[in-house]
Amino acid sequence: MTAQLAIFAPKLIGEIAAGDDLAAKIGDALVCECSPAVGDVVVVAQKIVSKAEGRKVALAAVEPSCEAVALAKRTGKDPRLVELVLRESASVMRAKPGVLIVRHRLGLVMANAGIDQSNLDAADHALLLPVDPDGSAARLAATLSERFGGALGVVISDSFGRAWRHGSVNVAIGAAGIPTLWDRRGEYDRNGRMLIATEVAVADALAAAAGLVMGEGAEGCPVALVRGFAAPGVPGCAGDLIRPSQTDLFL
């Protein structure tokens, strides 16, 4: 693993809309400030991936189910948003005033199934996660690698809250072209003790680092380029980071 990273966050030109060529827009933005080199990793905010893939939903078109209405009363949330959460989820984990935690159909345990209304041009719309974030990352990685003449990694990031901790941090919900989980079990520390449980969430670490320069509000920097990253292992996907429910001690 390298000991020094550089992170650049160019601004994209214009708003992303459904059907836009996202790889082209990302590539154009990168060329203007920090043209990618082989081995660089492009971190992309989930929001612009979802926008390009047409995952914006008009709330006026959503008819809440009886379950959604009941959960909305329990949580104090808009019944239409709750209905979208249920459609995107495999199960409801926790529900209380102001809080709705679910297991997303992708396996992610998260608030509101990742559905968001921030940075949308219409207040009566909501944005869902991409249908297949790993697939989206793979397509972006292939197109960007071809354009810039060498292998590039891609991480699609989203901000998550964490149990027992205040604040949110960016994690990888999609990835391609990089080792996403670095298994160090069987190695030794400086004192010769064998590592028994150490697995490094490389894709999450890259997403979190990039998030510091991308921002969470009105910064307008939904893409970052991470340079100087290297870790052993074969490329994986963000799905590799999801703990199976049968080994989740907190369910």
Protein backbone atom coordinates (compact mmCIF):
# COMPACT_ATOMS: atom_id res chain seq x y z
CA MET A 1 0.00 0.00 0.00
CA THR A 2 1.36 3.43 -0.91
CA ALA A 3 1.99 5.96 1.85
CA GLN A 4 1.07 9.14 -0.01
CA LEU A 5 -2.06 10.10 -1.95
CA ALA A 6 -3.10 13.15 -3.95
CA ILE A 7 -6.81 13.92 -4.41
CA PHE A 8 -8.21 16.33 -7.00
CA ALA A 9 -11.86 17.42 -7.25
CA PRO A 10 -12.70 19.15 -10.54
CA LYS A 11 -16.12 20.71 -11.02
CA LEU A 12 -18.44 19.24 -13.62
CA ILE A 13 -19.96 21.59 -16.17
CA GLY A 14 -23.74 21.91 -15.87
CA GLU A 15 -26.40 19.81 -14.21
CA ILE A 16 -26.56 16.08 -14.90
CA ALA A 17 -29.83 14.92 -16.47
CA ALA A 18 -31.32 11.57 -17.39
CA GLY A 19 -29.65 10.10 -20.45
CA ASP A 20 -26.49 12.20 -20.21
CA ASP A 21 -23.21 10.57 -21.19
CA LEU A 22 -21.78 10.64 -17.68
CA ALA A 23 -18.43 9.12 -18.64
CA ALA A 24 -17.92 11.85 -21.24
CA LYS A 25 -18.79 14.61 -18.77
CA ILE A 26 -16.49 13.16 -16.12
CA GLY A 27 -13.69 12.74 -18.64
CA ASP A 28 -14.05 16.32 -19.89
CA ALA A 29 -13.94 17.68 -16.33
CA LEU A 30 -10.86 15.63 -15.49
CA VAL A 31 -8.99 16.72 -18.62
CA CYS A 32 -9.46 20.37 -17.66
CA GLU A 33 -7.68 20.02 -14.31
CA CYS A 34 -5.96 16.67 -13.73
CA SER A 35 -5.87 14.31 -16.69
CA PRO A 36 -5.93 10.73 -15.34
CA ALA A 37 -2.95 8.40 -15.45
CA VAL A 38 -2.81 4.61 -15.27
CA GLY A 39 -3.68 3.40 -11.79
CA ASP A 40 -5.69 6.47 -10.76
CA VAL A 41 -9.08 5.95 -9.13
CA VAL A 42 -12.09 8.08 -10.05
CA VAL A 43 -14.57 8.49 -7.20
CA VAL A 44 -18.07 9.45 -8.36
CA ALA A 45 -20.94 10.60 -6.18
CA GLN A 46 -23.91 8.28 -6.36
CA LYS A 47 -26.22 11.21 -6.98
CA ILE A 48 -24.94 12.03 -10.46
CA VAL A 49 -24.94 8.36 -11.42
CA SER A 50 -28.58 8.10 -10.37
CA LYS A 51 -29.47 11.29 -12.23
CA ALA A 52 -27.82 10.11 -15.45
CA GLU A 53 -29.57 6.74 -15.16
CA GLY A 54 -33.01 8.32 -14.77
CA ARG A 55 -33.61 7.35 -11.15
CA LYS A 56 -35.44 10.57 -10.27
CA VAL A 57 -39.07 9.95 -9.28
CA ALA A 58 -41.94 12.45 -9.12
CA LEU A 59 -43.66 12.13 -5.74
CA ALA A 60 -46.99 13.07 -7.31
CA ALA A 61 -46.88 9.75 -9.19
CA VAL A 62 -46.40 7.67 -6.02
CA GLU A 63 -49.46 6.05 -4.39
CA PRO A 64 -48.64 5.07 -0.78
CA SER A 65 -49.64 1.59 0.37
CA CYS A 66 -51.32 0.91 3.70
CA GLU A 67 -47.95 -0.20 5.09
CA ALA A 68 -46.33 3.02 3.90
CA VAL A 69 -49.06 5.14 5.49
CA ALA A 70 -48.67 3.32 8.80
CA LEU A 71 -44.87 3.67 8.75
CA ALA A 72 -45.18 7.34 7.79
CA LYS A 73 -47.30 8.00 10.87
CA ARG A 74 -44.80 6.14 13.03
CA THR A 75 -41.78 7.96 11.67
CA GLY A 76 -43.24 11.36 10.79
CA LYS A 77 -42.12 11.04 7.17
CA ASP A 78 -43.92 11.74 3.88
CA PRO A 79 -46.00 8.62 3.03
CA ARG A 80 -44.90 8.85 -0.60
CA LEU A 81 -41.23 8.80 0.36
CA VAL A 82 -41.88 5.88 2.69
CA GLU A 83 -43.55 4.02 -0.16
CA LEU A 84 -40.45 4.49 -2.31
CA VAL A 85 -38.29 3.28 0.57
CA LEU A 86 -40.38 0.11 0.87
CA ARG A 87 -40.20 -0.54 -2.87
CA GLU A 88 -36.40 -0.30 -2.74
CA SER A 89 -35.99 -2.42 0.40
CA ALA A 90 -35.84 -6.07 1.32
CA SER A 91 -36.83 -5.45 4.96
CA VAL A 92 -37.38 -2.73 7.54
CA MET A 93 -34.79 -2.88 10.31
CA ARG A 94 -35.77 0.03 12.59
CA ALA A 95 -38.60 2.55 12.56
CA LYS A 96 -39.13 5.34 15.10
CA PRO A 97 -39.89 9.08 14.94
CA GLY A 98 -37.52 10.60 12.40
CA VAL A 99 -35.73 7.32 11.69
CA LEU A 100 -36.32 4.61 9.09
CA ILE A 101 -33.50 2.08 8.68
CA VAL A 102 -33.88 -0.65 6.05
CA ARG A 103 -31.94 -3.38 4.34
CA HIS A 104 -31.82 -2.20 0.75
CA ARG A 105 -32.43 -4.71 -2.04
CA LEU A 106 -28.67 -4.42 -2.75
CA GLY A 107 -27.92 -5.68 0.77
CA LEU A 108 -26.91 -2.28 2.17
CA VAL A 109 -28.29 -1.42 5.62
CA MET A 110 -29.02 2.29 5.44
CA ALA A 111 -31.41 5.10 6.28
CA ASN A 112 -34.34 5.65 3.91
CA ALA A 113 -32.96 3.16 1.34
CA GLY A 114 -30.52 5.86 0.25
CA ILE A 115 -33.38 7.95 -1.18
CA ASP A 116 -32.56 11.65 -1.13
CA GLN A 117 -34.05 15.00 -2.14
CA SER A 118 -30.99 17.25 -1.76
CA ASN A 119 -29.46 18.97 -4.79
CA LEU A 120 -32.48 18.22 -6.97
CA ASP A 121 -33.91 20.94 -9.21
CA ALA A 122 -37.49 20.07 -8.22
CA ALA A 123 -38.67 19.87 -4.59
CA ASP A 124 -41.40 17.36 -5.41
CA HIS A 125 -38.98 14.68 -6.63
CA ALA A 126 -36.77 12.08 -4.98
CA LEU A 127 -33.68 10.25 -6.19
CA LEU A 128 -33.20 6.49 -5.86
CA LEU A 129 -29.92 4.60 -5.83
CA PRO A 130 -28.69 3.14 -9.14
CA VAL A 131 -30.20 -0.23 -9.97
CA ASP A 132 -26.75 -1.86 -10.18
CA PRO A 133 -23.98 0.40 -8.78
CA ASP A 134 -21.23 -2.17 -9.41
CA GLY A 135 -22.36 -2.46 -13.01
CA SER A 136 -22.45 1.33 -13.31
CA ALA A 137 -18.90 1.51 -11.94
CA ALA A 138 -17.71 -1.16 -14.37
CA ARG A 139 -19.15 0.71 -17.36
CA LEU A 140 -17.59 4.00 -16.27
CA ALA A 141 -14.23 2.31 -15.63
CA ALA A 142 -14.24 0.68 -19.08
CA THR A 143 -15.11 3.90 -20.92
CA LEU A 144 -12.72 6.13 -18.97
CA SER A 145 -9.89 3.60 -19.25
CA GLU A 146 -10.33 3.48 -23.01
CA ARG A 147 -10.45 7.26 -23.31
CA PHE A 148 -7.29 7.84 -21.26
CA GLY A 149 -5.33 4.87 -22.56
CA GLY A 150 -4.83 2.88 -19.39
CA ALA A 151 -6.56 1.05 -16.59
CA LEU A 152 -8.46 3.30 -14.17
CA GLY A 153 -10.49 2.30 -11.11
CA VAL A 154 -13.91 3.69 -10.31
CA VAL A 155 -15.69 3.97 -6.96
CA ILE A 156 -19.29 5.12 -6.67
CA SER A 157 -19.72 6.69 -3.24
CA ASP A 158 -22.62 7.57 -0.99
CA SER A 159 -22.71 9.10 2.49
CA PHE A 160 -23.67 6.78 5.35
CA GLY A 161 -24.36 7.33 9.01
CA ARG A 162 -22.74 4.82 11.39
CA ALA A 163 -23.99 3.04 14.45
CA TRP A 164 -22.67 4.57 17.70
CA ARG A 165 -21.03 7.47 15.84
CA HIS A 166 -22.19 11.01 15.03
CA GLY A 167 -21.83 12.28 11.48
CA SER A 168 -21.74 10.65 8.09
CA VAL A 169 -18.88 9.38 5.95
CA ASN A 170 -18.68 8.36 2.32
CA VAL A 171 -18.55 4.64 1.55
CA ALA A 172 -18.41 2.64 -1.68
CA ILE A 173 -21.72 1.35 -3.03
CA GLY A 174 -20.20 0.51 -6.41
CA ALA A 175 -16.65 -0.24 -7.52
CA ALA A 176 -14.64 -1.60 -10.42
CA GLY A 177 -10.99 -1.94 -11.37
CA ILE A 178 -9.59 -1.93 -7.81
CA PRO A 179 -9.23 -4.43 -4.96
CA THR A 180 -12.16 -3.47 -2.74
CA LEU A 181 -11.28 -5.64 0.29
CA TRP A 182 -7.65 -6.24 1.31
CA ASP A 183 -7.45 -9.44 3.33
CA ARG A 184 -4.40 -9.19 5.61
CA ARG A 185 -5.19 -12.20 7.76
CA GLY A 186 -2.13 -14.41 8.10
CA GLU A 187 0.29 -11.50 7.88
CA TYR A 188 2.28 -10.34 10.89
CA ASP A 189 2.55 -7.09 12.77
CA ARG A 190 5.86 -5.45 13.74
CA ASN A 191 6.10 -7.62 16.83
CA GLY A 192 5.58 -10.88 14.97
CA ARG A 193 1.96 -11.38 16.01
CA MET A 194 -0.25 -12.90 13.33
CA LEU A 195 -3.17 -10.79 12.10
CA ILE A 196 -6.30 -12.82 12.79
CA ALA A 197 -9.20 -10.60 11.73
CA THR A 198 -7.73 -7.69 9.74
CA GLU A 199 -9.48 -6.96 6.45
CA VAL A 200 -9.10 -3.45 5.05
CA ALA A 201 -12.14 -1.92 3.35
CA VAL A 202 -10.06 -0.30 0.61
CA ALA A 203 -12.98 0.98 -1.49
CA ASP A 204 -14.65 2.55 1.54
CA ALA A 205 -11.38 4.21 2.57
CA LEU A 206 -10.97 5.71 -0.92
CA ALA A 207 -14.57 6.95 -0.88
CA ALA A 208 -14.11 8.53 2.55
CA ALA A 209 -10.86 10.24 1.57
CA ALA A 210 -12.36 11.61 -1.63
CA GLY A 211 -15.42 12.82 0.26
CA LEU A 212 -13.26 15.32 2.14
CA VAL A 213 -12.65 17.25 -1.09
CA MET A 214 -15.97 16.50 -2.81
CA GLY A 215 -18.11 17.88 0.03
CA GLU A 216 -21.70 17.18 1.06
CA GLY A 217 -23.53 20.43 0.31
CA ALA A 218 -23.31 23.07 -2.39
CA GLU A 219 -19.66 22.48 -3.33
CA GLY A 220 -20.56 21.17 -6.79
CA CYS A 221 -17.72 18.62 -6.84
CA PRO A 222 -19.34 15.22 -7.40
CA VAL A 223 -16.14 13.65 -8.79
CA ALA A 224 -12.65 13.21 -7.37
CA LEU A 225 -9.48 11.71 -8.76
CA VAL A 226 -7.29 9.78 -6.32
CA ARG A 227 -3.67 9.41 -7.38
CA GLY A 228 -0.92 7.35 -5.77
CA PHE A 229 -3.18 4.51 -4.58
CA ALA A 230 -2.03 0.92 -4.76
CA ALA A 231 -3.03 -2.19 -2.84
CA PRO A 232 -2.43 -5.88 -3.49
CA GLY A 233 -5.12 -8.19 -4.71
CA VAL A 234 -7.41 -8.65 -7.69
CA PRO A 235 -10.12 -6.15 -8.63
CA GLY A 236 -13.41 -6.69 -6.83
CA CYS A 237 -16.78 -4.99 -6.45
CA ALA A 238 -18.53 -3.08 -3.68
CA GLY A 239 -20.76 -6.07 -3.07
CA ASP A 240 -17.70 -7.79 -1.56
CA LEU A 241 -17.92 -5.35 1.36
CA ILE A 242 -21.45 -6.27 2.44
CA ARG A 243 -21.54 -8.55 5.46
CA PRO A 244 -23.96 -11.45 4.93
CA SER A 245 -26.99 -11.27 7.22
CA GLN A 246 -26.17 -14.66 8.75
CA THR A 247 -22.91 -13.25 10.15
CA ASP A 248 -24.33 -9.88 11.22
CA LEU A 249 -24.28 -9.86 15.03
CA PHE A 250 -26.39 -6.70 15.26
CA LEU A 251 -29.54 -7.84 13.47
